[in-house]
Amino acid sequence: MLATLAATRTEHRTAAGASLPAALTSGYHLAFLVAAGLLALAALLAGVLLRAPAHEAGGVSGSASRESRREPEPKDRTARV
C-alpha cells in the first residue's frame, strides 16, 4: 500500500513538471507520513484496548477476589457410613 502511494505521488509530480529526484522525494515523504500516522493510530488503539484490569484494594483482582470473599459452605453434620 505504501509503495503504491509513493509511486502514484511520484508519477503525479513528474507529470506536473517536477524533476525526478524531487518527485521521488515527495512520493517517499507521503509514504513515510502515512506509515507514521498508521503507527501512531496502532499505538493509541493498543494503549486503549489492551489495558490491564484495574486492581482492587488488597492486591487481589478479578474472580480470585470474589472467591476469597465467599462464605464457607456449611459442613454436612450427618455421618456417612
Protein backbone atom coordinates (compact mmCIF):
# COMPACT_ATOMS: atom_id res chain seq x y z
CA MET A 1 0.00 0.00 0.00
CA LEU A 2 2.75 2.46 0.91
CA ALA A 3 4.70 1.67 -2.25
CA THR A 4 1.59 2.35 -4.31
CA LEU A 5 1.13 5.72 -2.61
CA ALA A 6 4.77 6.63 -3.21
CA ALA A 7 4.65 5.57 -6.87
CA THR A 8 1.40 7.39 -7.55
CA ARG A 9 2.64 10.58 -5.90
CA THR A 10 5.90 10.37 -7.84
CA GLU A 11 4.02 9.87 -11.11
CA HIS A 12 1.74 12.84 -10.47
CA ARG A 13 4.65 15.10 -9.51
CA THR A 14 6.65 14.21 -12.63
CA ALA A 15 3.54 14.76 -14.78
CA ALA A 16 3.20 18.19 -13.16
CA GLY A 17 6.75 19.03 -14.26
CA ALA A 18 8.79 18.31 -11.12
CA SER A 19 12.25 16.84 -11.52
CA LEU A 20 12.59 13.10 -10.89
CA PRO A 21 14.58 13.48 -7.63
CA ALA A 22 12.02 15.98 -6.27
CA ALA A 23 9.12 13.75 -7.34
CA LEU A 24 10.68 10.66 -5.76
CA THR A 25 11.34 12.58 -2.54
CA SER A 26 7.74 13.76 -2.49
CA GLY A 27 6.44 10.22 -3.04
CA TYR A 28 8.53 8.69 -0.29
CA HIS A 29 7.71 11.59 2.02
CA LEU A 30 3.99 10.86 1.61
CA ALA A 31 4.52 7.13 2.22
CA PHE A 32 6.51 7.76 5.40
CA LEU A 33 3.89 10.21 6.70
CA VAL A 34 1.11 7.68 6.13
CA ALA A 35 3.17 4.95 7.82
CA ALA A 36 3.85 7.20 10.82
CA GLY A 37 0.14 8.01 11.09
CA LEU A 38 -0.81 4.33 11.00
CA LEU A 39 1.82 3.53 13.62
CA ALA A 40 0.52 6.29 15.90
CA LEU A 41 -3.04 5.02 15.47
CA ALA A 42 -1.95 1.44 16.26
CA ALA A 43 -0.12 2.60 19.40
CA LEU A 44 -3.14 4.59 20.53
CA LEU A 45 -5.50 1.66 19.98
CA ALA A 46 -3.14 -0.72 21.75
CA GLY A 47 -2.93 1.61 24.73
CA VAL A 48 -6.70 1.94 24.96
CA LEU A 49 -7.79 -1.61 24.18
CA LEU A 50 -5.03 -3.62 25.85
CA ARG A 51 -5.13 -2.10 29.32
CA ALA A 52 -4.59 -4.38 32.29
CA PRO A 53 -7.62 -4.87 34.55
CA ALA A 54 -7.82 -2.48 37.48
CA HIS A 55 -6.61 -3.95 40.77
CA GLU A 56 -8.88 -3.86 43.79
CA ALA A 57 -7.71 -2.86 47.26
CA GLY A 58 -5.79 -5.66 48.93
CA GLY A 59 -3.82 -6.66 45.85
CA VAL A 60 -6.22 -9.34 44.61
CA SER A 61 -8.25 -8.73 41.49
CA GLY A 62 -10.99 -10.33 39.46
CA SER A 63 -12.57 -13.66 40.30
CA ALA A 64 -9.92 -14.52 42.89
CA SER A 65 -11.13 -11.57 44.95
CA ARG A 66 -14.75 -12.69 44.73
CA GLU A 67 -13.83 -16.23 45.71
CA SER A 68 -11.92 -15.07 48.77
CA ARG A 69 -14.97 -13.11 49.98
CA ARG A 70 -17.29 -16.10 49.61
CA GLU A 71 -18.55 -17.56 52.87
CA PRO A 72 -17.52 -21.15 53.56
CA GLU A 73 -20.12 -23.77 52.86
CA PRO A 74 -21.66 -25.41 55.92
CA LYS A 75 -20.31 -28.86 56.66
CA ASP A 76 -22.62 -31.81 56.45
CA ARG A 77 -23.39 -32.83 60.03
CA THR A 78 -24.80 -36.21 59.14
CA ALA A 79 -22.35 -39.06 59.41
CA ARG A 80 -21.85 -41.20 56.36
CA VAL A 81 -21.44 -44.88 56.89
